[in-house]
Amino acid sequence: MSVSTPPSPPVHRRTRSRLSLIAAATTLAALSLCPPAAAFPIPVADAELPDLVTVDAIRTHLQNLETIAAYNGGNRATGTPGYDVTAQYVTDQLRRAGYTVTRDHYSFKQWVEHSDPVLTQTAPQHREFTPGDDFLSMAYSGAGDVTAPAVPVDATGADSGCEDADFADFPAGAIAILKRGTCTFEEKAARAADAGAVGAVIFNHGDTPNDTGPINGTVSNPAAIPVVGASTEVGEALLAAGDGLELHLKVDASVEEAHSYNLIAETRGGDRNNVVVVGAHLDSVAEGPGTNDNGSGVATVLEIAKQLNRLGTPRNKVRFAFWGSEESGLIGSTSYVERLSEKERERIALYLNFDMLGSSNYARLIYDGRNELPGSVPAPSGSAAIQKVFEDYFTARGLAAEPTEFSGRSDYRAFMLAGIPSGGLFSGADGTKTAEQAARYGGTAGEQFDPYYHTADDTLAHINWASIDELSDGAAYAVEVFADSTLPVNGVAPLRARTLAEPSFDRCGDRWER
């Protein structure tokens, strides 16, 4: 808003000089009273949102989500009544808090597995591997039943299958054995298929104790060949088999046309050209109610949204997203980002992801914005600053925390591929807790962070409330910080101070501030 000044009446030269001196003195006095620019970040002791977002409120949301699942087929999976009622619940809660909620519709190809996969070594010795324990079908794997020679593809390298050159001597008609790391599962599978492979086995890299089990992953887009994710032990056994290795690989699945929707709500105020997006996936797996995965993220983000309005108008617009079809392969978030115009993408300052915050055998895990871990996909510039905000928060609270892979397994993936700085918190899923982590966080070493992950037992009875308390506070703090300023993430300095009972603009001396 511009302010026009009416013309001044004629003034005698000597009088003008005196008035000028008075005006200058007044301006200097006003400037001396102008508050300095707010430091980044908001000090942890001064943050308000973590106190407003309570465990009791999150527990109430989780109880309601679990009740919805129990009375609607036992789950909240995309395309089910449980998902629709969950969406209605979140919409109602947000509307009561003053938000306008929109349904962001999309169509997608839904991957459906009809029977257990098969992975058997048929030569040079016979060895059968067990689905679930040793390997899993990757979501959007192609269907197929093949018995063929199996050939490692740079399977000792960190970037196995990530370069076309890796397949230079690959024999058409063979099954590719690949190691997890550097590039996405989709890229590995696509390059294998292009090289003439009839199947692919991608085994876990085992670089940390948390990354040794079977890979529960997705190739995101329907693959042309059957693809499974195996444990480190299976991969090492296949590599040790030597020449003459032959495998029987079977994936029984199909792809069907489907439709679903995300829920989107945003603050009424805040800089619309510098948007902070905060997301959690709304759907569960078909096997259970998904109280931790991802009711815990939904309940936390929902309560943050409800309480943020109590702090007044933020400097930056905050957009809350509840994603559909995450469990079907990150479909909702991917569709949303891909449909944004270039200008809309440029307006997004950063993305915060909260997927599983209440694991029973939890750890305080922060996404690896600095790309320090070997299994992380490259993070856009600014992601390290997001990581540091979370680290500084937990340090100030006297709580240990550590980085976790940006593996591409949650809704941050599409934002990162679009070059949008990303970060978030995670309490652990199918990884195994180490003795060092048990000493740091409590719990049981040698067991999964969430033994109930993707099962019917993912219920309120197995939520760790200490995890919810600590991680929801960390999430609330980060939202409050970035709603105020994103300066170290994307270089955008704040436009104006937060308003409570203040006018919509302030004057400081002769300066008008937006």
Protein backbone atom coordinates (compact mmCIF):
# COMPACT_ATOMS: atom_id res chain seq x y z
CA MET A 1 0.00 0.00 0.00
CA SER A 2 1.42 3.38 -0.95
CA VAL A 3 0.81 6.56 1.05
CA SER A 4 0.53 9.90 -0.76
CA THR A 5 1.55 13.16 0.90
CA PRO A 6 -0.54 16.34 0.22
CA PRO A 7 1.34 19.34 -1.21
CA SER A 8 2.98 21.56 1.43
CA PRO A 9 2.08 25.32 1.63
CA PRO A 10 4.77 27.81 0.67
CA VAL A 11 7.34 28.23 3.44
CA HIS A 12 9.79 31.11 4.05
CA ARG A 13 13.40 30.05 3.40
CA ARG A 14 14.48 30.57 7.05
CA THR A 15 11.40 28.82 8.41
CA ARG A 16 11.90 25.91 5.99
CA SER A 17 15.43 25.47 7.32
CA ARG A 18 14.23 25.35 10.92
CA LEU A 19 11.44 22.92 10.08
CA SER A 20 13.90 20.75 8.21
CA LEU A 21 16.08 20.55 11.27
CA ILE A 22 13.10 19.63 13.41
CA ALA A 23 12.00 16.99 10.90
CA ALA A 24 15.49 15.53 10.74
CA ALA A 25 15.69 15.36 14.52
CA THR A 26 12.26 13.73 14.67
CA THR A 27 13.25 11.18 12.03
CA LEU A 28 16.47 10.31 13.87
CA ALA A 29 14.55 9.90 17.12
CA ALA A 30 12.01 7.69 15.43
CA LEU A 31 14.70 5.61 13.79
CA SER A 32 16.46 5.17 17.12
CA LEU A 33 13.26 3.69 18.50
CA CYS A 34 12.75 1.33 15.56
CA PRO A 35 13.08 -2.28 16.70
CA PRO A 36 15.94 -4.19 15.10
CA ALA A 37 15.16 -6.92 12.62
CA ALA A 38 14.16 -10.11 14.39
CA ALA A 39 16.94 -12.65 14.75
CA PHE A 40 16.65 -16.08 13.16
CA PRO A 41 15.41 -18.38 14.50
CA ILE A 42 12.85 -17.71 17.21
CA PRO A 43 14.58 -18.76 20.44
CA VAL A 44 13.30 -22.11 21.65
CA ALA A 45 12.40 -20.60 25.03
CA ASP A 46 10.26 -17.96 23.30
CA ALA A 47 8.38 -20.28 20.95
CA GLU A 48 4.67 -20.51 21.63
CA LEU A 49 3.38 -23.17 19.25
CA PRO A 50 5.02 -26.19 20.98
CA ASP A 51 3.11 -25.33 24.16
CA LEU A 52 -0.17 -24.93 22.29
CA VAL A 53 0.14 -28.28 20.48
CA THR A 54 -0.53 -30.77 23.26
CA VAL A 55 -0.29 -34.53 23.55
CA ASP A 56 -3.88 -34.67 24.81
CA ALA A 57 -5.17 -32.97 21.67
CA ILE A 58 -3.13 -35.28 19.42
CA ARG A 59 -4.36 -38.30 21.40
CA THR A 60 -7.97 -37.21 20.83
CA HIS A 61 -7.37 -36.97 17.07
CA LEU A 62 -5.75 -40.44 17.05
CA GLN A 63 -8.64 -41.94 19.00
CA ASN A 64 -11.06 -40.48 16.48
CA LEU A 65 -9.06 -41.72 13.49
CA GLU A 66 -8.86 -45.21 14.96
CA THR A 67 -12.62 -45.22 15.60
CA ILE A 68 -13.22 -44.19 11.99
CA ALA A 69 -11.07 -47.11 10.81
CA ALA A 70 -12.73 -49.61 13.16
CA TYR A 71 -16.20 -48.79 11.85
CA ASN A 72 -15.18 -48.61 8.19
CA GLY A 73 -13.57 -51.91 7.34
CA GLY A 74 -10.59 -51.71 9.68
CA ASN A 75 -8.48 -49.27 7.66
CA ARG A 76 -8.27 -45.79 6.13
CA ALA A 77 -6.73 -46.77 2.80
CA THR A 78 -7.18 -44.63 -0.32
CA GLY A 79 -10.41 -45.48 -2.13
CA THR A 80 -12.16 -46.85 0.95
CA PRO A 81 -14.94 -45.46 3.16
CA GLY A 82 -12.36 -45.14 5.92
CA TYR A 83 -10.35 -42.70 3.84
CA ASP A 84 -13.40 -40.62 2.93
CA VAL A 85 -14.57 -40.34 6.54
CA THR A 86 -11.04 -39.50 7.66
CA ALA A 87 -10.99 -36.69 5.09
CA GLN A 88 -14.34 -35.44 6.37
CA TYR A 89 -13.01 -35.43 9.94
CA VAL A 90 -9.90 -33.43 9.04
CA THR A 91 -11.98 -31.02 6.94
CA ASP A 92 -14.43 -30.43 9.79
CA GLN A 93 -11.63 -29.78 12.28
CA LEU A 94 -9.90 -27.32 9.98
CA ARG A 95 -13.10 -25.46 9.15
CA ARG A 96 -13.86 -25.03 12.85
CA ALA A 97 -10.41 -23.48 13.19
CA GLY A 98 -11.20 -20.95 10.46
CA TYR A 99 -9.63 -22.54 7.39
CA THR A 100 -11.07 -22.99 3.95
CA VAL A 101 -10.40 -26.56 2.84
CA THR A 102 -10.21 -27.70 -0.77
CA ARG A 103 -10.13 -31.19 -2.23
CA ASP A 104 -7.34 -31.54 -4.77
CA HIS A 105 -8.55 -34.35 -7.06
CA TYR A 106 -6.29 -36.55 -9.18
CA SER A 107 -6.43 -39.73 -11.22
CA PHE A 108 -3.77 -42.39 -10.97
CA LYS A 109 -2.86 -45.95 -11.79
CA GLN A 110 -3.32 -48.05 -8.65
CA TRP A 111 -1.02 -51.02 -8.15
CA VAL A 112 -2.71 -54.13 -6.74
CA GLU A 113 -0.82 -57.29 -5.70
CA HIS A 114 -2.92 -60.45 -5.99
CA SER A 115 -0.67 -63.05 -4.32
CA ASP A 116 2.67 -63.40 -2.57
CA PRO A 117 5.79 -62.87 -4.68
CA VAL A 118 8.36 -65.61 -5.29
CA LEU A 119 12.15 -65.41 -5.20
CA THR A 120 14.02 -68.70 -5.42
CA GLN A 121 17.61 -69.49 -6.28
CA THR A 122 17.43 -72.44 -8.68
CA ALA A 123 21.15 -72.75 -9.51
CA PRO A 124 23.94 -73.47 -8.75
CA GLN A 125 22.26 -74.54 -5.50
CA HIS A 126 18.57 -74.46 -4.60
CA ARG A 127 17.54 -71.89 -2.02
CA GLU A 128 14.12 -70.44 -1.29
CA PHE A 129 13.63 -66.96 0.11
CA THR A 130 10.65 -65.99 2.27
CA PRO A 131 8.35 -63.09 1.35
CA GLY A 132 8.27 -60.49 4.10
CA ASP A 133 11.38 -61.76 5.88
CA ASP A 134 13.82 -61.89 2.97
CA PHE A 135 12.21 -59.79 0.25
CA LEU A 136 9.11 -57.84 -0.76
CA SER A 137 7.52 -56.86 -4.03
CA MET A 138 8.16 -53.23 -4.85
CA ALA A 139 4.98 -51.23 -5.34
CA TYR A 140 4.33 -50.69 -9.05
CA SER A 141 6.51 -53.63 -9.96
CA GLY A 142 5.60 -55.11 -13.29
CA ALA A 143 3.87 -58.51 -13.31
CA GLY A 144 5.87 -61.48 -14.44
CA ASP A 145 6.94 -65.07 -13.76
CA VAL A 146 10.47 -65.69 -15.02
CA THR A 147 13.30 -68.15 -14.49
CA ALA A 148 16.55 -66.80 -15.88
CA PRO A 149 20.26 -66.26 -15.25
CA ALA A 150 20.96 -63.52 -12.69
CA VAL A 151 23.75 -60.99 -13.23
CA PRO A 152 25.11 -58.42 -10.72
CA VAL A 153 25.18 -54.84 -12.01
CA ASP A 154 28.00 -52.93 -10.30
CA ALA A 155 26.55 -54.49 -7.16
CA THR A 156 29.47 -53.48 -4.93
CA GLY A 157 29.31 -49.81 -5.93
CA ALA A 158 27.39 -47.08 -4.17
CA ASP A 159 25.64 -46.12 -7.43
CA SER A 160 24.72 -49.59 -8.67
CA GLY A 161 22.49 -49.32 -11.75
CA CYS A 162 22.43 -45.53 -11.71
CA GLU A 163 24.40 -45.07 -14.94
CA ASP A 164 23.68 -46.45 -18.41
CA ALA A 165 27.33 -47.55 -18.51
CA ASP A 166 26.61 -50.02 -15.69
CA PHE A 167 24.59 -52.09 -18.16
CA ALA A 168 27.08 -51.95 -21.04
CA ASP A 169 27.76 -55.71 -20.95
CA PHE A 170 24.44 -56.82 -19.48
CA PRO A 171 23.05 -59.92 -21.26
CA ALA A 172 19.48 -59.48 -22.47
CA GLY A 173 17.07 -61.95 -20.93
CA ALA A 174 18.79 -62.01 -17.52
CA ILE A 175 17.64 -60.82 -14.08
CA ALA A 176 19.56 -57.80 -12.79
CA ILE A 177 20.93 -57.82 -9.23
CA LEU A 178 21.33 -54.26 -7.98
CA LYS A 179 22.36 -52.59 -4.74
CA ARG A 180 20.32 -49.85 -3.14
CA GLY A 181 21.80 -46.34 -3.19
CA THR A 182 22.36 -42.98 -4.89
CA CYS A 183 19.49 -43.03 -7.42
CA THR A 184 15.87 -44.08 -7.02
CA PHE A 185 14.48 -47.59 -7.35
CA GLU A 186 12.52 -46.36 -10.34
CA GLU A 187 15.70 -45.32 -12.16
CA LYS A 188 17.44 -48.62 -11.42
CA ALA A 189 14.46 -50.67 -12.63
CA ALA A 190 13.97 -48.55 -15.75
CA ARG A 191 17.64 -48.83 -16.77
CA ALA A 192 17.55 -52.59 -16.20
CA ALA A 193 14.46 -52.96 -18.38
CA ASP A 194 16.01 -50.81 -21.11
CA ALA A 195 19.07 -53.06 -21.07
CA GLY A 196 16.91 -56.13 -21.71
CA ALA A 197 16.52 -57.43 -18.15
CA VAL A 198 13.47 -59.60 -17.49
CA GLY A 199 13.45 -58.84 -13.76
CA ALA A 200 15.33 -56.99 -11.02
CA VAL A 201 16.34 -57.73 -7.45
CA ILE A 202 17.39 -54.60 -5.51
CA PHE A 203 19.01 -55.48 -2.18
CA ASN A 204 19.54 -53.26 0.85
CA HIS A 205 22.97 -51.66 1.14
CA GLY A 206 23.50 -52.46 4.82
CA ASP A 207 25.63 -49.35 5.34
CA THR A 208 23.95 -48.85 8.70
CA PRO A 209 22.28 -51.40 10.99
CA ASN A 210 18.93 -49.82 10.12
CA ASP A 211 19.29 -50.68 6.44
CA THR A 212 19.72 -54.43 6.32
CA GLY A 213 16.16 -55.79 6.09
CA PRO A 214 14.04 -56.32 2.98
CA ILE A 215 13.29 -53.09 1.14
CA ASN A 216 9.67 -52.00 1.40
CA GLY A 217 9.86 -49.60 -1.54
CA THR A 218 8.18 -48.40 -4.68
CA VAL A 219 9.31 -47.83 -8.24
CA SER A 220 6.68 -45.03 -8.32
CA ASN A 221 5.68 -45.49 -11.97
CA PRO A 222 4.61 -48.89 -13.30
CA ALA A 223 7.73 -50.87 -14.18
CA ALA A 224 8.07 -52.99 -17.31
CA ILE A 225 9.58 -55.91 -15.37
CA PRO A 226 9.01 -57.61 -12.00
CA VAL A 227 11.02 -55.89 -9.24
CA VAL A 228 11.57 -56.98 -5.64
CA GLY A 229 13.45 -55.41 -2.73
CA ALA A 230 15.64 -57.85 -0.82
CA SER A 231 17.58 -57.79 2.44
CA THR A 232 21.33 -57.27 2.65
CA GLU A 233 21.73 -60.94 3.58
CA VAL A 234 19.89 -62.08 0.45
CA GLY A 235 21.95 -59.76 -1.73
CA GLU A 236 25.21 -61.01 -0.28
CA ALA A 237 24.10 -64.62 -0.76
CA LEU A 238 23.28 -63.99 -4.43
CA LEU A 239 26.62 -62.29 -5.04
CA ALA A 240 28.45 -65.15 -3.31
CA ALA A 241 26.74 -67.75 -5.49
CA GLY A 242 29.15 -66.89 -8.33
CA ASP A 243 28.87 -68.01 -11.94
CA GLY A 244 25.85 -69.95 -13.03
CA LEU A 245 23.45 -68.12 -10.73
CA GLU A 246 19.83 -68.60 -11.80
CA LEU A 247 16.69 -67.25 -10.16
CA HIS A 248 12.95 -67.81 -10.29
CA LEU A 249 11.22 -64.46 -9.82
CA LYS A 250 7.47 -63.93 -9.76
CA VAL A 251 5.30 -60.89 -9.03
CA ASP A 252 1.53 -61.27 -9.43
CA ALA A 253 0.10 -57.76 -9.70
CA SER A 254 -1.89 -55.44 -11.93
CA VAL A 255 -2.45 -51.71 -12.41
CA GLU A 256 -5.96 -50.26 -12.37
CA GLU A 257 -7.35 -46.78 -13.01
CA ALA A 258 -8.33 -45.02 -9.78
CA HIS A 259 -9.25 -41.58 -8.44
CA SER A 260 -8.64 -39.87 -5.11
CA TYR A 261 -7.87 -36.48 -3.58
CA ASN A 262 -5.61 -34.51 -1.24
CA LEU A 263 -6.85 -31.97 1.30
CA ILE A 264 -5.31 -28.49 1.16
CA ALA A 265 -5.78 -25.57 3.59
CA GLU A 266 -3.69 -22.45 4.16
CA THR A 267 -3.50 -19.47 6.45
CA ARG A 268 -5.50 -16.46 5.31
CA GLY A 269 -2.55 -14.14 5.80
CA GLY A 270 1.16 -14.34 5.16
CA ASP A 271 3.32 -13.71 2.13
CA ARG A 272 1.73 -15.64 -0.72
CA ASN A 273 5.00 -15.48 -2.62
CA ASN A 274 6.86 -17.32 0.15
CA VAL A 275 4.79 -20.35 1.13
CA VAL A 276 5.74 -22.92 3.75
CA VAL A 277 4.09 -26.27 2.96
CA VAL A 278 3.55 -28.71 5.83
CA GLY A 279 2.36 -32.21 4.94
CA ALA A 280 1.39 -35.65 6.19
CA HIS A 281 -0.20 -38.53 4.32
CA LEU A 282 -3.82 -39.16 5.14
CA ASP A 283 -4.14 -42.80 4.05
CA SER A 284 -3.26 -46.03 5.83
CA VAL A 285 -2.36 -49.38 4.33
CA ALA A 286 -5.22 -51.80 3.71
CA GLU A 287 -3.90 -54.14 6.42
CA GLY A 288 -4.78 -51.92 9.38
CA PRO A 289 -5.93 -48.61 10.86
CA GLY A 290 -2.57 -46.86 10.47
CA THR A 291 -2.67 -45.11 13.83
CA ASN A 292 1.07 -44.45 13.75
CA ASP A 293 1.47 -44.67 9.96
CA ASN A 294 0.33 -42.05 9.46
CA GLY A 295 -2.35 -41.10 11.94
CA SER A 296 0.42 -39.69 14.12
CA GLY A 297 1.58 -37.30 11.39
CA VAL A 298 -1.98 -36.31 10.47
CA ALA A 299 -2.95 -35.63 14.08
CA THR A 300 0.18 -33.56 14.67
CA VAL A 301 -0.13 -31.46 11.50
CA LEU A 302 -3.85 -31.00 12.11
CA GLU A 303 -3.27 -29.71 15.64
CA ILE A 304 -0.43 -27.44 14.48
CA ALA A 305 -2.77 -25.94 11.90
CA LYS A 306 -5.49 -25.40 14.48
CA GLN A 307 -3.17 -23.70 16.97
CA LEU A 308 -1.15 -21.62 14.50
CA ASN A 309 -4.07 -19.22 14.05
CA ARG A 310 -3.82 -18.33 17.74
CA LEU A 311 -0.45 -16.68 17.05
CA GLY A 312 -1.95 -14.17 14.66
CA THR A 313 -1.07 -13.60 11.02
CA PRO A 314 2.26 -15.20 10.08
CA ARG A 315 4.82 -13.41 7.94
CA ASN A 316 4.83 -16.30 5.46
CA LYS A 317 1.76 -18.12 4.23
CA VAL A 318 1.57 -21.65 5.63
CA ARG A 319 -0.13 -24.32 3.54
CA PHE A 320 -1.21 -27.57 5.20
CA ALA A 321 -1.50 -30.64 2.98
CA PHE A 322 -2.96 -34.04 3.79
CA TRP A 323 -1.85 -36.36 1.02
CA GLY A 324 -3.80 -39.22 -0.51
CA SER A 325 -2.44 -42.49 -1.92
CA GLU A 326 0.96 -42.28 -0.26
CA GLU A 327 0.83 -45.98 0.47
CA SER A 328 0.09 -46.61 -3.20
CA GLY A 329 3.38 -45.00 -4.22
CA LEU A 330 3.47 -41.33 -3.15
CA ILE A 331 0.71 -40.62 -5.66
CA GLY A 332 -1.14 -37.68 -4.09
CA SER A 333 1.89 -35.52 -3.33
CA THR A 334 3.53 -36.35 -6.66
CA SER A 335 0.39 -35.45 -8.59
CA TYR A 336 0.07 -32.19 -6.66
CA VAL A 337 3.63 -31.04 -7.32
CA GLU A 338 3.61 -32.09 -10.97
CA ARG A 339 0.43 -30.08 -11.62
CA LEU A 340 1.82 -26.87 -10.14
CA SER A 341 2.78 -24.17 -12.58
CA GLU A 342 6.38 -22.96 -12.59
CA LYS A 343 5.30 -19.80 -10.79
CA GLU A 344 3.41 -21.78 -8.15
CA ARG A 345 6.47 -23.94 -7.52
CA GLU A 346 8.70 -20.89 -7.20
CA ARG A 347 6.39 -19.50 -4.51
CA ILE A 348 7.00 -22.55 -2.29
CA ALA A 349 9.85 -21.74 0.10
CA LEU A 350 10.18 -25.19 1.63
CA TYR A 351 8.38 -28.42 2.47
CA LEU A 352 8.14 -30.08 5.90
CA ASN A 353 7.11 -33.75 6.04
CA PHE A 354 5.79 -35.62 9.08
CA ASP A 355 5.28 -39.33 8.47
CA MET A 356 5.24 -41.56 11.60
CA LEU A 357 5.95 -39.73 14.85
CA GLY A 358 4.83 -42.27 17.49
CA SER A 359 6.75 -45.50 16.84
CA SER A 360 6.76 -47.77 19.88
CA ASN A 361 10.55 -48.36 19.79
CA TYR A 362 11.23 -44.85 18.56
CA ALA A 363 14.23 -42.69 17.77
CA ARG A 364 14.39 -38.93 17.18
CA LEU A 365 15.27 -38.88 13.49
CA ILE A 366 15.76 -35.76 11.35
CA TYR A 367 15.85 -35.97 7.56
CA ASP A 368 19.35 -35.72 6.14
CA GLY A 369 19.38 -32.31 4.48
CA ARG A 370 23.19 -32.26 4.45
CA ASN A 371 23.44 -35.49 2.44
CA GLU A 372 25.73 -37.10 4.99
CA LEU A 373 24.23 -40.58 4.77
CA PRO A 374 25.04 -42.91 1.85
CA GLY A 375 21.42 -43.87 1.21
CA SER A 376 20.14 -40.30 0.89
CA VAL A 377 19.04 -38.91 -2.45
CA PRO A 378 20.43 -35.43 -3.19
CA ALA A 379 18.62 -32.72 -1.22
CA PRO A 380 18.02 -29.26 -2.72
CA SER A 381 19.99 -26.32 -1.35
CA GLY A 382 18.39 -25.03 1.83
CA SER A 383 17.49 -28.48 3.13
CA ALA A 384 20.50 -28.44 5.46
CA ALA A 385 19.16 -25.27 7.09
CA ILE A 386 15.88 -27.05 7.80
CA GLN A 387 17.80 -29.93 9.36
CA LYS A 388 19.72 -27.50 11.56
CA VAL A 389 16.53 -25.87 12.88
CA PHE A 390 15.36 -29.27 14.13
CA GLU A 391 18.80 -30.10 15.52
CA ASP A 392 19.03 -26.78 17.37
CA TYR A 393 15.59 -27.33 18.85
CA PHE A 394 16.43 -30.76 20.28
CA THR A 395 19.82 -29.55 21.49
CA ALA A 396 18.13 -26.70 23.35
CA ARG A 397 15.78 -29.22 24.92
CA GLY A 398 18.66 -31.47 25.96
CA LEU A 399 17.44 -34.27 23.70
CA ALA A 400 19.62 -36.38 21.42
CA ALA A 401 18.69 -36.64 17.75
CA GLU A 402 20.33 -37.94 14.59
CA PRO A 403 19.96 -37.77 10.80
CA THR A 404 17.95 -40.32 8.86
CA GLU A 405 18.10 -41.04 5.16
CA PHE A 406 16.28 -39.00 2.58
CA SER A 407 15.47 -42.34 0.97
CA GLY A 408 12.62 -41.11 -1.24
CA ARG A 409 10.08 -43.23 0.62
CA SER A 410 7.72 -40.46 1.71
CA ASP A 411 5.94 -37.42 0.33
CA TYR A 412 8.97 -35.13 0.38
CA ARG A 413 10.23 -36.92 -2.74
CA ALA A 414 8.20 -34.92 -5.28
CA PHE A 415 9.17 -31.63 -3.66
CA MET A 416 12.84 -32.52 -3.69
CA LEU A 417 12.69 -33.57 -7.34
CA ALA A 418 11.15 -30.15 -8.06
CA GLY A 419 14.11 -28.46 -6.36
CA ILE A 420 12.17 -27.39 -3.25
CA PRO A 421 14.13 -27.49 0.04
CA SER A 422 12.71 -30.21 2.27
CA GLY A 423 12.97 -31.61 5.77
CA GLY A 424 11.04 -33.22 8.56
CA LEU A 425 10.98 -35.66 11.46
CA PHE A 426 10.56 -39.43 11.68
CA SER A 427 10.33 -41.90 14.58
CA GLY A 428 11.39 -44.97 12.58
CA ALA A 429 9.58 -47.75 10.75
CA ASP A 430 11.02 -51.07 9.58
CA GLY A 431 14.65 -50.27 10.44
CA THR A 432 16.32 -51.98 13.40
CA LYS A 433 17.32 -50.08 16.54
CA THR A 434 21.00 -50.36 17.43
CA ALA A 435 22.45 -50.72 20.91
CA GLU A 436 23.73 -47.15 20.67
CA GLN A 437 20.26 -45.89 19.79
CA ALA A 438 18.70 -47.87 22.63
CA ALA A 439 21.15 -46.22 25.04
CA ARG A 440 20.29 -42.82 23.56
CA TYR A 441 16.49 -43.05 23.31
CA GLY A 442 15.52 -46.06 25.40
CA GLY A 443 13.66 -49.01 23.92
CA THR A 444 14.95 -52.35 22.70
CA ALA A 445 18.05 -52.88 20.59
CA GLY A 446 17.77 -55.42 17.78
CA GLU A 447 14.06 -54.78 17.22
CA GLN A 448 12.29 -52.64 14.63
CA PHE A 449 11.51 -49.06 15.50
CA ASP A 450 7.90 -49.95 14.81
CA PRO A 451 7.23 -53.71 15.00
CA TYR A 452 3.59 -53.00 14.08
CA TYR A 453 4.43 -51.12 10.89
CA HIS A 454 1.97 -51.90 8.06
CA THR A 455 0.03 -54.43 10.17
CA ALA A 456 -3.40 -54.66 11.81
CA ASP A 457 -1.67 -53.99 15.14
CA ASP A 458 -0.74 -50.41 14.22
CA THR A 459 -3.13 -49.16 16.89
CA LEU A 460 -3.38 -46.64 19.70
CA ALA A 461 -2.17 -49.32 22.15
CA HIS A 462 1.26 -49.26 20.50
CA ILE A 463 1.80 -45.50 20.26
CA ASN A 464 4.78 -44.21 22.21
CA TRP A 465 3.53 -41.02 23.82
CA ALA A 466 7.01 -39.76 24.71
CA SER A 467 7.82 -39.87 21.01
CA ILE A 468 4.62 -38.01 20.17
CA ASP A 469 5.37 -35.38 22.82
CA GLU A 470 8.96 -34.73 21.73
CA LEU A 471 8.55 -34.92 17.97
CA SER A 472 5.28 -32.96 17.83
CA ASP A 473 6.96 -30.17 19.79
CA GLY A 474 9.86 -30.22 17.33
CA ALA A 475 7.45 -30.10 14.42
CA ALA A 476 5.49 -27.21 15.96
CA TYR A 477 8.68 -25.27 16.62
CA ALA A 478 9.88 -25.62 13.02
CA VAL A 479 6.50 -24.49 11.66
CA GLU A 480 6.54 -21.44 13.93
CA VAL A 481 10.11 -20.59 12.91
CA PHE A 482 9.53 -20.89 9.16
CA ALA A 483 6.16 -19.16 9.31
CA ASP A 484 8.17 -16.24 10.66
CA SER A 485 11.22 -16.42 8.36
CA THR A 486 12.77 -18.70 5.73
CA LEU A 487 15.90 -16.59 5.29
CA PRO A 488 18.59 -19.33 5.63
CA VAL A 489 16.58 -21.74 3.51
CA ASN A 490 15.80 -19.69 0.40
CA GLY A 491 17.34 -16.27 1.06
CA VAL A 492 13.99 -14.48 1.40
CA ALA A 493 14.05 -11.89 4.17
CA PRO A 494 10.79 -11.33 6.08
CA LEU A 495 8.50 -8.59 4.76
CA ARG A 496 6.88 -7.54 8.00
CA ALA A 497 6.38 -8.47 11.61
CA ARG A 498 3.76 -10.88 12.82
CA THR A 499 0.46 -9.10 13.53
CA LEU A 500 -1.75 -9.71 16.50
CA ALA A 501 -3.72 -6.57 17.36
CA GLU A 502 -1.39 -4.48 15.20
CA PRO A 503 -2.47 -2.51 12.12
CA SER A 504 -1.77 -4.04 8.74
CA PHE A 505 1.29 -1.81 8.23
CA ASP A 506 3.69 0.04 10.49
CA ARG A 507 5.66 3.23 10.09
CA CYS A 508 9.16 3.46 11.45
CA GLY A 509 10.42 7.03 10.97
CA ASP A 510 9.99 7.86 7.30
CA ARG A 511 9.94 4.18 6.30
CA TRP A 512 6.74 2.36 5.57
CA GLU A 513 6.98 -1.38 6.13
CA ARG A 514 4.73 -3.89 4.45
